[in-house]
Amino acid sequence: MGGAGPVPAAVGVAAALSEATGKKEDHLLAICVFGSINIDLTTYGAKLPRPGESLHGERYAIGLGGKGCNQAVAASRLGSKTDLIGRIGRDAFGDTALSALRRLNVPTGGVFVDPGSDTGVAVIGVDAAAENCITVIGGANMAIDETDVARAKPTLERSDVLLLQLEIPLAAGLAAADIVRGNGGRVILDPAPAPQGGLDGSVLSRIDVITPNETETEILTAVRPTDVEQASKAAARIRAEGVAMAVIKLGADGVYFQDEDGDGFVPPFVVDSVDSVAAGDCFNGGLAHALAEGRTLADAVRFAAACGALSTTTPGASQSAPALADVMALLADR
């Protein structure tokens, strides 16, 4: 694989916190997700329409979504103590989102109801091969600013892992990252949607782990990760900008990962996929859970890959997040 050797055990955030700050271990495995909350309108049909084309679909569903929301549900379903920081509008979709979060056992104390914005919405098309295309209207998500960070500061200070995405303003996410890292925590960035100009070292040096898919990797590095060799080249370029760990999701082809001590590849899990919506989010929720437990990077990526694969066997976004028992059963089969 061209790495420097086996990936060493990731230093548990819990141990780092205890050694650096003397904090008691009664708060450990605390994951904070700072990100988007949407209501998804998902349509299902034989194929996705081309520009100017109208097609008959088979069915539709309305459910909870947004990359931040999906990741919070995913981590919570695995058993991590999970907090969600975000915004919704004072509207019917916002009420729907709060009700769904409570049903899924995700605390809503960090969700701010913004009277001046609409709740975020995503319109998703899914074809017979479980491929999807998504149009996102950010709404209240894009109004997030430093006041949200200030409100969430006590939660951020006790978080072992912070999950970020790019469906909220980057400046607020980085401010939250600084608080978490300043208190011994670790930051994972899902760079989606990836900005066309990429992310420079001033951003990447303020996070610990980045998890782009193939398209996002190409935007960030100008390298299309069509195989392990190209994924390795792309990961090295990302890490040269200051991020410690690069985890490149190759969809149905598996996952490549790299840090300063080595690299590795996790082949895909074979499952009966019906819908790939939120697979990457369930991967990230699983990765955060596994790293918070102190697993090795290799083991954490394998665990996360199983989470992502299982999510494709259930339609929808947040509701597709797998339970821990199902993840462990899939891991035991391979």
C-alpha atoms as a PDB file:
ATOM      1  CA  MET A   1       0.000   0.000   0.000  1.00  0.00           C
ATOM      2  CA  GLY A   2       3.044   2.209   0.198  1.00  0.00           C
ATOM      3  CA  GLY A   3       2.506   3.268   3.842  1.00  0.00           C
ATOM      4  CA  ALA A   4       5.064   3.501   6.573  1.00  0.00           C
ATOM      5  CA  GLY A   5       3.658   0.550   8.477  1.00  0.00           C
ATOM      6  CA  PRO A   6       0.537  -0.360  10.397  1.00  0.00           C
ATOM      7  CA  VAL A   7      -1.553   2.492  11.672  1.00  0.00           C
ATOM      8  CA  PRO A   8      -0.976   2.796  15.428  1.00  0.00           C
ATOM      9  CA  ALA A   9      -3.728   2.928  17.990  1.00  0.00           C
ATOM     10  CA  ALA A  10      -5.428   6.270  17.888  1.00  0.00           C
ATOM     11  CA  VAL A  11      -4.909   8.045  21.151  1.00  0.00           C
ATOM     12  CA  GLY A  12      -8.305   8.097  22.835  1.00  0.00           C
ATOM     13  CA  VAL A  13      -9.714  11.557  23.321  1.00  0.00           C
ATOM     14  CA  ALA A  14     -10.685  10.467  26.790  1.00  0.00           C
ATOM     15  CA  ALA A  15      -7.093   9.752  27.752  1.00  0.00           C
ATOM     16  CA  ALA A  16      -5.882  13.005  26.278  1.00  0.00           C
ATOM     17  CA  LEU A  17      -8.487  14.967  28.202  1.00  0.00           C
ATOM     18  CA  SER A  18      -7.737  13.227  31.468  1.00  0.00           C
ATOM     19  CA  GLU A  19      -3.977  13.742  31.126  1.00  0.00           C
ATOM     20  CA  ALA A  20      -4.143  17.331  29.916  1.00  0.00           C
ATOM     21  CA  THR A  21      -6.910  18.708  32.058  1.00  0.00           C
ATOM     22  CA  GLY A  22      -7.468  16.243  34.861  1.00  0.00           C
ATOM     23  CA  LYS A  23     -11.170  16.043  33.976  1.00  0.00           C
ATOM     24  CA  LYS A  24     -13.070  13.115  35.378  1.00  0.00           C
ATOM     25  CA  GLU A  25     -14.073  10.383  32.982  1.00  0.00           C
ATOM     26  CA  ASP A  26     -17.797  10.625  33.665  1.00  0.00           C
ATOM     27  CA  HIS A  27     -18.363  12.720  30.529  1.00  0.00           C
ATOM     28  CA  LEU A  28     -16.518  10.550  28.047  1.00  0.00           C
ATOM     29  CA  LEU A  29     -17.740   9.485  24.606  1.00  0.00           C
ATOM     30  CA  ALA A  30     -19.407  12.886  24.246  1.00  0.00           C
ATOM     31  CA  ILE A  31     -19.929  13.768  20.584  1.00  0.00           C
ATOM     32  CA  CYS A  32     -21.107  17.168  19.405  1.00  0.00           C
ATOM     33  CA  VAL A  33     -22.431  17.709  15.894  1.00  0.00           C
ATOM     34  CA  PHE A  34     -22.541  21.309  14.712  1.00  0.00           C
ATOM     35  CA  GLY A  35     -24.367  21.430  11.424  1.00  0.00           C
ATOM     36  CA  SER A  36     -27.418  21.524   9.244  1.00  0.00           C
ATOM     37  CA  ILE A  37     -30.964  20.444  10.018  1.00  0.00           C
ATOM     38  CA  ASN A  38     -33.297  19.944   7.055  1.00  0.00           C
ATOM     39  CA  ILE A  39     -36.575  18.412   6.119  1.00  0.00           C
ATOM     40  CA  ASP A  40     -36.068  16.117   3.108  1.00  0.00           C
ATOM     41  CA  LEU A  41     -38.525  15.574   0.276  1.00  0.00           C
ATOM     42  CA  THR A  42     -37.294  12.411  -1.422  1.00  0.00           C
ATOM     43  CA  THR A  43     -38.642  11.117  -4.711  1.00  0.00           C
ATOM     44  CA  TYR A  44     -38.066   7.588  -6.016  1.00  0.00           C
ATOM     45  CA  GLY A  45     -38.159   6.543  -9.673  1.00  0.00           C
ATOM     46  CA  ALA A  46     -36.539   4.311 -12.271  1.00  0.00           C
ATOM     47  CA  LYS A  47     -34.030   6.991 -13.269  1.00  0.00           C
ATOM     48  CA  LEU A  48     -33.091  10.576 -12.523  1.00  0.00           C
ATOM     49  CA  PRO A  49     -34.352  13.217 -14.969  1.00  0.00           C
ATOM     50  CA  ARG A  50     -32.022  14.966 -17.364  1.00  0.00           C
ATOM     51  CA  PRO A  51     -32.215  18.765 -17.825  1.00  0.00           C
ATOM     52  CA  GLY A  52     -35.571  19.630 -19.336  1.00  0.00           C
ATOM     53  CA  GLU A  53     -36.995  16.148 -18.811  1.00  0.00           C
ATOM     54  CA  SER A  54     -40.105  15.270 -16.777  1.00  0.00           C
ATOM     55  CA  LEU A  55     -40.551  11.723 -15.515  1.00  0.00           C
ATOM     56  CA  HIS A  56     -43.178   9.790 -13.611  1.00  0.00           C
ATOM     57  CA  GLY A  57     -41.871   8.664 -10.231  1.00  0.00           C
ATOM     58  CA  GLU A  58     -42.934   5.760  -8.051  1.00  0.00           C
ATOM     59  CA  ARG A  59     -43.340   7.336  -4.608  1.00  0.00           C
ATOM     60  CA  TYR A  60     -42.076  10.070  -2.308  1.00  0.00           C
ATOM     61  CA  ALA A  61     -41.266  10.477   1.373  1.00  0.00           C
ATOM     62  CA  ILE A  62     -40.886  13.430   3.744  1.00  0.00           C
ATOM     63  CA  GLY A  63     -38.370  12.968   6.555  1.00  0.00           C
ATOM     64  CA  LEU A  64     -35.633  14.400   8.720  1.00  0.00           C
ATOM     65  CA  GLY A  65     -32.346  15.260   7.021  1.00  0.00           C
ATOM     66  CA  GLY A  66     -29.436  17.662   6.783  1.00  0.00           C
ATOM     67  CA  LYS A  67     -25.884  16.386   7.073  1.00  0.00           C
ATOM     68  CA  GLY A  68     -25.505  17.588  10.655  1.00  0.00           C
ATOM     69  CA  CYS A  69     -28.793  16.079  11.734  1.00  0.00           C
ATOM     70  CA  ASN A  70     -28.039  12.776   9.989  1.00  0.00           C
ATOM     71  CA  GLN A  71     -24.644  12.493  11.656  1.00  0.00           C
ATOM     72  CA  ALA A  72     -26.069  13.260  15.085  1.00  0.00           C
ATOM     73  CA  VAL A  73     -28.742  10.574  14.713  1.00  0.00           C
ATOM     74  CA  ALA A  74     -26.131   8.104  13.453  1.00  0.00           C
ATOM     75  CA  ALA A  75     -23.809   8.629  16.426  1.00  0.00           C
ATOM     76  CA  SER A  76     -26.680   8.553  18.905  1.00  0.00           C
ATOM     77  CA  ARG A  77     -28.056   5.257  17.560  1.00  0.00           C
ATOM     78  CA  LEU A  78     -24.626   3.702  18.138  1.00  0.00           C
ATOM     79  CA  GLY A  79     -24.777   4.627  21.819  1.00  0.00           C
ATOM     80  CA  SER A  80     -22.669   7.785  21.995  1.00  0.00           C
ATOM     81  CA  LYS A  81     -23.842  10.716  24.114  1.00  0.00           C
ATOM     82  CA  THR A  82     -24.597  13.091  21.265  1.00  0.00           C
ATOM     83  CA  ASP A  83     -25.481  16.788  21.176  1.00  0.00           C
ATOM     84  CA  LEU A  84     -26.705  18.627  18.079  1.00  0.00           C
ATOM     85  CA  ILE A  85     -26.080  22.332  17.573  1.00  0.00           C
ATOM     86  CA  GLY A  86     -28.013  24.019  14.773  1.00  0.00           C
ATOM     87  CA  ARG A  87     -30.907  26.227  13.665  1.00  0.00           C
ATOM     88  CA  ILE A  88     -34.407  25.741  12.349  1.00  0.00           C
ATOM     89  CA  GLY A  89     -37.116  28.205  11.361  1.00  0.00           C
ATOM     90  CA  ARG A  90     -40.258  28.973  13.325  1.00  0.00           C
ATOM     91  CA  ASP A  91     -42.442  27.062  10.869  1.00  0.00           C
ATOM     92  CA  ALA A  92     -44.164  23.724  10.309  1.00  0.00           C
ATOM     93  CA  PHE A  93     -40.990  22.083   8.972  1.00  0.00           C
ATOM     94  CA  GLY A  94     -39.134  23.221  12.093  1.00  0.00           C
ATOM     95  CA  ASP A  95     -41.780  21.655  14.309  1.00  0.00           C
ATOM     96  CA  THR A  96     -41.501  18.448  12.287  1.00  0.00           C
ATOM     97  CA  ALA A  97     -37.728  18.415  12.719  1.00  0.00           C
ATOM     98  CA  LEU A  98     -37.899  18.882  16.498  1.00  0.00           C
ATOM     99  CA  SER A  99     -40.475  16.135  16.887  1.00  0.00           C
ATOM    100  CA  ALA A 100     -38.424  13.728  14.783  1.00  0.00           C
ATOM    101  CA  LEU A 101     -35.224  14.460  16.717  1.00  0.00           C
ATOM    102  CA  ARG A 102     -36.963  13.768  20.013  1.00  0.00           C
ATOM    103  CA  ARG A 103     -38.333  10.481  18.677  1.00  0.00           C
ATOM    104  CA  LEU A 104     -34.790   9.538  17.684  1.00  0.00           C
ATOM    105  CA  ASN A 105     -33.437  10.414  21.166  1.00  0.00           C
ATOM    106  CA  VAL A 106     -31.253  13.302  20.013  1.00  0.00           C
ATOM    107  CA  PRO A 107     -31.292  16.209  22.510  1.00  0.00           C
ATOM    108  CA  THR A 108     -32.750  19.410  21.061  1.00  0.00           C
ATOM    109  CA  GLY A 109     -31.495  21.884  23.661  1.00  0.00           C
ATOM    110  CA  GLY A 110     -28.818  23.112  21.254  1.00  0.00           C
ATOM    111  CA  VAL A 111     -31.251  23.719  18.402  1.00  0.00           C
ATOM    112  CA  PHE A 112     -32.095  27.433  18.071  1.00  0.00           C
ATOM    113  CA  VAL A 113     -35.498  28.389  16.651  1.00  0.00           C
ATOM    114  CA  ASP A 114     -34.827  31.360  14.362  1.00  0.00           C
ATOM    115  CA  PRO A 115     -37.949  33.513  13.794  1.00  0.00           C
ATOM    116  CA  GLY A 116     -36.314  35.263  10.850  1.00  0.00           C
ATOM    117  CA  SER A 117     -35.469  32.212   8.729  1.00  0.00           C
ATOM    118  CA  ASP A 118     -37.136  29.213   7.115  1.00  0.00           C
ATOM    119  CA  THR A 119     -36.170  25.679   8.068  1.00  0.00           C
ATOM    120  CA  GLY A 120     -33.706  24.128   5.610  1.00  0.00           C
ATOM    121  CA  VAL A 121     -35.126  21.871   2.908  1.00  0.00           C
ATOM    122  CA  ALA A 122     -33.534  19.278   0.629  1.00  0.00           C
ATOM    123  CA  VAL A 123     -35.171  17.891  -2.516  1.00  0.00           C
ATOM    124  CA  ILE A 124     -33.699  14.471  -3.280  1.00  0.00           C
ATOM    125  CA  GLY A 125     -34.094  12.220  -6.303  1.00  0.00           C
ATOM    126  CA  VAL A 126     -33.231   8.523  -6.028  1.00  0.00           C
ATOM    127  CA  ASP A 127     -33.080   6.119  -8.993  1.00  0.00           C
ATOM    128  CA  ALA A 128     -33.398   2.340  -9.263  1.00  0.00           C
ATOM    129  CA  ALA A 129     -29.633   1.886  -8.740  1.00  0.00           C
ATOM    130  CA  ALA A 130     -29.828   3.775  -5.416  1.00  0.00           C
ATOM    131  CA  GLU A 131     -27.915   6.738  -6.862  1.00  0.00           C
ATOM    132  CA  ASN A 132     -29.145  10.191  -5.879  1.00  0.00           C
ATOM    133  CA  CYS A 133     -29.055  13.881  -6.698  1.00  0.00           C
ATOM    134  CA  ILE A 134     -29.858  16.570  -4.150  1.00  0.00           C
ATOM    135  CA  THR A 135     -30.843  20.242  -4.174  1.00  0.00           C
ATOM    136  CA  VAL A 136     -30.457  21.923  -0.788  1.00  0.00           C
ATOM    137  CA  ILE A 137     -32.102  25.181   0.328  1.00  0.00           C
ATOM    138  CA  GLY A 138     -30.089  26.152   3.403  1.00  0.00           C
ATOM    139  CA  GLY A 139     -32.560  28.488   5.114  1.00  0.00           C
ATOM    140  CA  ALA A 140     -31.843  28.828   8.832  1.00  0.00           C
ATOM    141  CA  ASN A 141     -28.687  26.736   8.484  1.00  0.00           C
ATOM    142  CA  MET A 142     -26.986  29.539   6.601  1.00  0.00           C
ATOM    143  CA  ALA A 143     -27.880  32.087   9.298  1.00  0.00           C
ATOM    144  CA  ILE A 144     -25.694  30.285  11.857  1.00  0.00           C
ATOM    145  CA  ASP A 145     -23.032  32.597  13.299  1.00  0.00           C
ATOM    146  CA  GLU A 146     -20.893  33.281  16.371  1.00  0.00           C
ATOM    147  CA  THR A 147     -23.962  33.608  18.590  1.00  0.00           C
ATOM    148  CA  ASP A 148     -24.659  29.904  18.062  1.00  0.00           C
ATOM    149  CA  VAL A 149     -21.085  29.110  19.055  1.00  0.00           C
ATOM    150  CA  ALA A 150     -21.410  31.232  22.184  1.00  0.00           C
ATOM    151  CA  ARG A 151     -24.660  29.504  23.180  1.00  0.00           C
ATOM    152  CA  ALA A 152     -23.060  26.105  22.651  1.00  0.00           C
ATOM    153  CA  LYS A 153     -19.747  26.846  24.400  1.00  0.00           C
ATOM    154  CA  PRO A 154     -20.387  24.681  27.513  1.00  0.00           C
ATOM    155  CA  THR A 155     -21.313  21.736  25.277  1.00  0.00           C
ATOM    156  CA  LEU A 156     -18.304  22.275  23.029  1.00  0.00           C
ATOM    157  CA  GLU A 157     -15.940  22.458  25.999  1.00  0.00           C
ATOM    158  CA  ARG A 158     -16.934  18.988  27.208  1.00  0.00           C
ATOM    159  CA  SER A 159     -17.053  17.322  23.778  1.00  0.00           C
ATOM    160  CA  ASP A 160     -14.550  14.628  22.912  1.00  0.00           C
ATOM    161  CA  VAL A 161     -15.308  14.708  19.199  1.00  0.00           C
ATOM    162  CA  LEU A 162     -16.845  17.489  17.097  1.00  0.00           C
ATOM    163  CA  LEU A 163     -18.402  16.691  13.726  1.00  0.00           C
ATOM    164  CA  LEU A 164     -18.549  19.492  11.154  1.00  0.00           C
ATOM    165  CA  GLN A 165     -19.852  19.755   7.591  1.00  0.00           C
ATOM    166  CA  LEU A 166     -20.085  22.598   5.086  1.00  0.00           C
ATOM    167  CA  GLU A 167     -23.859  23.086   5.039  1.00  0.00           C
ATOM    168  CA  ILE A 168     -23.411  25.871   7.606  1.00  0.00           C
ATOM    169  CA  PRO A 169     -21.082  28.908   7.428  1.00  0.00           C
ATOM    170  CA  LEU A 170     -17.464  27.773   7.738  1.00  0.00           C
ATOM    171  CA  ALA A 171     -16.422  30.581  10.111  1.00  0.00           C
ATOM    172  CA  ALA A 172     -18.836  29.408  12.801  1.00  0.00           C
ATOM    173  CA  GLY A 173     -17.728  25.808  12.404  1.00  0.00           C
ATOM    174  CA  LEU A 174     -14.060  26.727  12.764  1.00  0.00           C
ATOM    175  CA  ALA A 175     -14.778  28.805  15.881  1.00  0.00           C
ATOM    176  CA  ALA A 176     -16.451  25.745  17.401  1.00  0.00           C
ATOM    177  CA  ALA A 177     -13.493  23.593  16.330  1.00  0.00           C
ATOM    178  CA  ASP A 178     -11.066  25.900  18.145  1.00  0.00           C
ATOM    179  CA  ILE A 179     -13.026  25.492  21.387  1.00  0.00           C
ATOM    180  CA  VAL A 180     -13.144  21.701  21.140  1.00  0.00           C
ATOM    181  CA  ARG A 181      -9.459  21.331  20.257  1.00  0.00           C
ATOM    182  CA  GLY A 182      -8.522  23.834  22.952  1.00  0.00           C
ATOM    183  CA  ASN A 183     -10.113  21.482  25.476  1.00  0.00           C
ATOM    184  CA  GLY A 184      -8.380  18.345  24.201  1.00  0.00           C
ATOM    185  CA  GLY A 185     -11.051  17.166  21.762  1.00  0.00           C
ATOM    186  CA  ARG A 186     -10.815  16.034  18.177  1.00  0.00           C
ATOM    187  CA  VAL A 187     -12.510  17.565  15.097  1.00  0.00           C
ATOM    188  CA  ILE A 188     -13.805  15.656  12.069  1.00  0.00           C
ATOM    189  CA  LEU A 189     -14.743  17.630   8.942  1.00  0.00           C
ATOM    190  CA  ASP A 190     -16.990  16.224   6.241  1.00  0.00           C
ATOM    191  CA  PRO A 191     -16.153  18.700   3.426  1.00  0.00           C
ATOM    192  CA  ALA A 192     -19.564  18.583   1.793  1.00  0.00           C
ATOM    193  CA  PRO A 193     -20.585  20.398  -0.223  1.00  0.00           C
ATOM    194  CA  ALA A 194     -16.961  21.063  -1.167  1.00  0.00           C
ATOM    195  CA  PRO A 195     -16.219  24.697  -2.107  1.00  0.00           C
ATOM    196  CA  GLN A 196     -14.996  25.050  -5.685  1.00  0.00           C
ATOM    197  CA  GLY A 197     -11.902  26.868  -4.484  1.00  0.00           C
ATOM    198  CA  GLY A 198     -10.999  24.024  -2.140  1.00  0.00           C
ATOM    199  CA  LEU A 199      -9.811  24.420   1.455  1.00  0.00           C
ATOM    200  CA  ASP A 200      -6.397  25.807   2.303  1.00  0.00           C
ATOM    201  CA  GLY A 201      -4.065  25.200   5.205  1.00  0.00           C
ATOM    202  CA  SER A 202      -5.680  27.911   7.314  1.00  0.00           C
ATOM    203  CA  VAL A 203      -8.760  25.669   7.477  1.00  0.00           C
ATOM    204  CA  LEU A 204      -7.237  22.186   7.373  1.00  0.00           C
ATOM    205  CA  SER A 205      -4.733  22.914  10.139  1.00  0.00           C
ATOM    206  CA  ARG A 206      -7.668  23.561  12.509  1.00  0.00           C
ATOM    207  CA  ILE A 207      -9.180  20.079  12.125  1.00  0.00           C
ATOM    208  CA  ASP A 208      -7.894  16.583  12.829  1.00  0.00           C
ATOM    209  CA  VAL A 209      -9.712  14.303  10.383  1.00  0.00           C
ATOM    210  CA  ILE A 210     -11.209  14.976   6.946  1.00  0.00           C
ATOM    211  CA  THR A 211     -13.571  12.587   5.141  1.00  0.00           C
ATOM    212  CA  PRO A 212     -14.173  13.588   1.500  1.00  0.00           C
ATOM    213  CA  ASN A 213     -15.853  11.367  -1.093  1.00  0.00           C
ATOM    214  CA  GLU A 214     -14.499  10.993  -4.643  1.00  0.00           C
ATOM    215  CA  THR A 215     -16.009  14.216  -5.995  1.00  0.00           C
ATOM    216  CA  GLU A 216     -14.987  16.277  -2.971  1.00  0.00           C
ATOM    217  CA  THR A 217     -11.479  14.825  -3.070  1.00  0.00           C
ATOM    218  CA  GLU A 218     -11.064  15.911  -6.683  1.00  0.00           C
ATOM    219  CA  ILE A 219     -12.252  19.429  -5.856  1.00  0.00           C
ATOM    220  CA  LEU A 220      -9.865  19.675  -2.894  1.00  0.00           C
ATOM    221  CA  THR A 221      -6.795  18.142  -4.561  1.00  0.00           C
ATOM    222  CA  ALA A 222      -7.289  18.074  -8.376  1.00  0.00           C
ATOM    223  CA  VAL A 223      -6.782  14.290  -8.097  1.00  0.00           C
ATOM    224  CA  ARG A 224      -9.660  11.949  -8.964  1.00  0.00           C
ATOM    225  CA  PRO A 225      -9.293   8.957  -6.591  1.00  0.00           C
ATOM    226  CA  THR A 226     -10.147   6.231  -9.093  1.00  0.00           C
ATOM    227  CA  ASP A 227      -7.996   3.645  -7.284  1.00  0.00           C
ATOM    228  CA  VAL A 228      -5.914   3.223  -4.139  1.00  0.00           C
ATOM    229  CA  GLU A 229      -2.822   4.754  -5.748  1.00  0.00           C
ATOM    230  CA  GLN A 230      -4.665   7.923  -6.694  1.00  0.00           C
ATOM    231  CA  ALA A 231      -6.409   8.039  -3.318  1.00  0.00           C
ATOM    232  CA  SER A 232      -2.999   7.860  -1.636  1.00  0.00           C
ATOM    233  CA  LYS A 233      -1.729  10.757  -3.741  1.00  0.00           C
ATOM    234  CA  ALA A 234      -4.810  12.835  -2.940  1.00  0.00           C
ATOM    235  CA  ALA A 235      -4.612  12.064   0.775  1.00  0.00           C
ATOM    236  CA  ALA A 236      -0.960  13.134   0.866  1.00  0.00           C
ATOM    237  CA  ARG A 237      -1.853  16.461  -0.745  1.00  0.00           C
ATOM    238  CA  ILE A 238      -4.590  17.068   1.800  1.00  0.00           C
ATOM    239  CA  ARG A 239      -2.342  16.185   4.721  1.00  0.00           C
ATOM    240  CA  ALA A 240       0.397  18.463   3.404  1.00  0.00           C
ATOM    241  CA  GLU A 241      -2.002  21.336   4.127  1.00  0.00           C
ATOM    242  CA  GLY A 242      -2.076  20.508   7.835  1.00  0.00           C
ATOM    243  CA  VAL A 243      -4.805  17.939   8.573  1.00  0.00           C
ATOM    244  CA  ALA A 244      -3.521  14.887  10.465  1.00  0.00           C
ATOM    245  CA  MET A 245      -5.783  12.164   9.029  1.00  0.00           C
ATOM    246  CA  ALA A 246      -7.331  11.858   5.567  1.00  0.00           C
ATOM    247  CA  VAL A 247     -10.129   9.327   5.073  1.00  0.00           C
ATOM    248  CA  ILE A 248     -11.269   9.112   1.449  1.00  0.00           C
ATOM    249  CA  LYS A 249     -14.639   7.504   0.812  1.00  0.00           C
ATOM    250  CA  LEU A 250     -14.671   5.722  -2.549  1.00  0.00           C
ATOM    251  CA  GLY A 251     -18.353   4.799  -2.521  1.00  0.00           C
ATOM    252  CA  ALA A 252     -18.949   1.243  -3.668  1.00  0.00           C
ATOM    253  CA  ASP A 253     -15.179   0.750  -4.042  1.00  0.00           C
ATOM    254  CA  GLY A 254     -14.340   1.025  -0.331  1.00  0.00           C
ATOM    255  CA  VAL A 255     -12.445   3.504   1.863  1.00  0.00           C
ATOM    256  CA  TYR A 256      -8.799   4.601   1.883  1.00  0.00           C
ATOM    257  CA  PHE A 257      -7.179   6.220   4.916  1.00  0.00           C
ATOM    258  CA  GLN A 258      -3.811   7.799   5.705  1.00  0.00           C
ATOM    259  CA  ASP A 259      -2.003   9.535   8.555  1.00  0.00           C
ATOM    260  CA  GLU A 260       1.642  10.265   9.337  1.00  0.00           C
ATOM    261  CA  ASP A 261       2.270   6.713  10.519  1.00  0.00           C
ATOM    262  CA  GLY A 262       0.725   4.701   7.724  1.00  0.00           C
ATOM    263  CA  ASP A 263      -2.191   4.025   5.454  1.00  0.00           C
ATOM    264  CA  GLY A 264      -4.730   1.358   4.670  1.00  0.00           C
ATOM    265  CA  PHE A 265      -7.774   0.343   2.665  1.00  0.00           C
ATOM    266  CA  VAL A 266     -11.126  -1.082   3.739  1.00  0.00           C
ATOM    267  CA  PRO A 267     -12.914  -2.995   0.958  1.00  0.00           C
ATOM    268  CA  PRO A 268     -16.649  -2.440   0.533  1.00  0.00           C
ATOM    269  CA  PHE A 269     -19.233  -4.415   2.476  1.00  0.00           C
ATOM    270  CA  VAL A 270     -21.652  -6.258   0.217  1.00  0.00           C
ATOM    271  CA  VAL A 271     -25.248  -5.388   1.139  1.00  0.00           C
ATOM    272  CA  ASP A 272     -28.573  -5.067  -0.666  1.00  0.00           C
ATOM    273  CA  SER A 273     -28.647  -1.296  -1.258  1.00  0.00           C
ATOM    274  CA  VAL A 274     -31.897   0.526  -1.903  1.00  0.00           C
ATOM    275  CA  ASP A 275     -30.939   4.167  -1.204  1.00  0.00           C
ATOM    276  CA  SER A 276     -27.512   5.781  -0.776  1.00  0.00           C
ATOM    277  CA  VAL A 277     -28.876   8.989   0.786  1.00  0.00           C
ATOM    278  CA  ALA A 278     -27.006   9.766   4.053  1.00  0.00           C
ATOM    279  CA  ALA A 279     -24.572   6.852   3.672  1.00  0.00           C
ATOM    280  CA  GLY A 280     -21.673   9.268   4.049  1.00  0.00           C
ATOM    281  CA  ASP A 281     -23.299  10.840   7.091  1.00  0.00           C
ATOM    282  CA  CYS A 282     -23.758   7.461   8.771  1.00  0.00           C
ATOM    283  CA  PHE A 283     -20.111   6.736   7.957  1.00  0.00           C
ATOM    284  CA  ASN A 284     -19.061   9.933   9.736  1.00  0.00           C
ATOM    285  CA  GLY A 285     -21.282   9.263  12.739  1.00  0.00           C
ATOM    286  CA  GLY A 286     -19.745   5.811  13.000  1.00  0.00           C
ATOM    287  CA  LEU A 287     -16.219   7.175  12.645  1.00  0.00           C
ATOM    288  CA  ALA A 288     -16.798   9.708  15.435  1.00  0.00           C
ATOM    289  CA  HIS A 289     -18.233   7.012  17.707  1.00  0.00           C
ATOM    290  CA  ALA A 290     -15.323   4.642  17.071  1.00  0.00           C
ATOM    291  CA  LEU A 291     -12.599   7.267  17.494  1.00  0.00           C
ATOM    292  CA  ALA A 292     -14.220   8.536  20.698  1.00  0.00           C
ATOM    293  CA  GLU A 293     -13.985   4.961  21.992  1.00  0.00           C
ATOM    294  CA  GLY A 294     -10.223   5.054  21.350  1.00  0.00           C
ATOM    295  CA  ARG A 295     -10.192   2.537  18.480  1.00  0.00           C
ATOM    296  CA  THR A 296      -7.282   2.461  16.045  1.00  0.00           C
ATOM    297  CA  LEU A 297      -7.791   4.474  12.880  1.00  0.00           C
ATOM    298  CA  ALA A 298      -7.932   1.261  10.836  1.00  0.00           C
ATOM    299  CA  ASP A 299     -10.578  -0.250  13.108  1.00  0.00           C
ATOM    300  CA  ALA A 300     -12.540   3.001  13.257  1.00  0.00           C
ATOM    301  CA  VAL A 301     -12.653   3.276   9.461  1.00  0.00           C
ATOM    302  CA  ARG A 302     -13.797  -0.345   9.135  1.00  0.00           C
ATOM    303  CA  PHE A 303     -16.520   0.254  11.728  1.00  0.00           C
ATOM    304  CA  ALA A 304     -17.595   3.430   9.932  1.00  0.00           C
ATOM    305  CA  ALA A 305     -17.679   1.662   6.564  1.00  0.00           C
ATOM    306  CA  ALA A 306     -20.048  -0.920   7.991  1.00  0.00           C
ATOM    307  CA  CYS A 307     -22.301   1.883   9.271  1.00  0.00           C
ATOM    308  CA  GLY A 308     -22.345   3.540   5.860  1.00  0.00           C
ATOM    309  CA  ALA A 309     -23.077   0.281   4.054  1.00  0.00           C
ATOM    310  CA  LEU A 310     -25.948  -0.658   6.348  1.00  0.00           C
ATOM    311  CA  SER A 311     -27.547   2.762   5.926  1.00  0.00           C
ATOM    312  CA  THR A 312     -28.012   2.060   2.210  1.00  0.00           C
ATOM    313  CA  THR A 313     -30.308  -0.872   3.021  1.00  0.00           C
ATOM    314  CA  THR A 314     -32.987   1.448   4.451  1.00  0.00           C
ATOM    315  CA  PRO A 315     -34.715   4.290   2.564  1.00  0.00           C
ATOM    316  CA  GLY A 316     -34.387   7.853   3.792  1.00  0.00           C
ATOM    317  CA  ALA A 317     -31.788   9.996   5.498  1.00  0.00           C
ATOM    318  CA  SER A 318     -31.665  10.160   9.304  1.00  0.00           C
ATOM    319  CA  GLN A 319     -33.963   7.159   9.657  1.00  0.00           C
ATOM    320  CA  SER A 320     -31.482   4.985   7.744  1.00  0.00           C
ATOM    321  CA  ALA A 321     -28.851   5.143  10.523  1.00  0.00           C
ATOM    322  CA  PRO A 322     -28.117   1.608  11.756  1.00  0.00           C
ATOM    323  CA  ALA A 323     -28.219   0.353  15.333  1.00  0.00           C
ATOM    324  CA  LEU A 324     -25.026  -0.834  17.015  1.00  0.00           C
ATOM    325  CA  ALA A 325     -26.138  -4.481  17.129  1.00  0.00           C
ATOM    326  CA  ASP A 326     -26.630  -4.507  13.353  1.00  0.00           C
ATOM    327  CA  VAL A 327     -23.212  -2.963  12.765  1.00  0.00           C
ATOM    328  CA  MET A 328     -21.498  -5.516  14.980  1.00  0.00           C
ATOM    329  CA  ALA A 329     -23.344  -8.350  13.217  1.00  0.00           C
ATOM    330  CA  LEU A 330     -22.141  -7.154   9.817  1.00  0.00           C
ATOM    331  CA  LEU A 331     -18.567  -6.794  11.079  1.00  0.00           C
ATOM    332  CA  ALA A 332     -18.687 -10.325  12.508  1.00  0.00           C
ATOM    333  CA  ASP A 333     -19.679 -11.703   9.103  1.00  0.00           C
ATOM    334  CA  ARG A 334     -16.461 -10.494   7.507  1.00  0.00           C
END
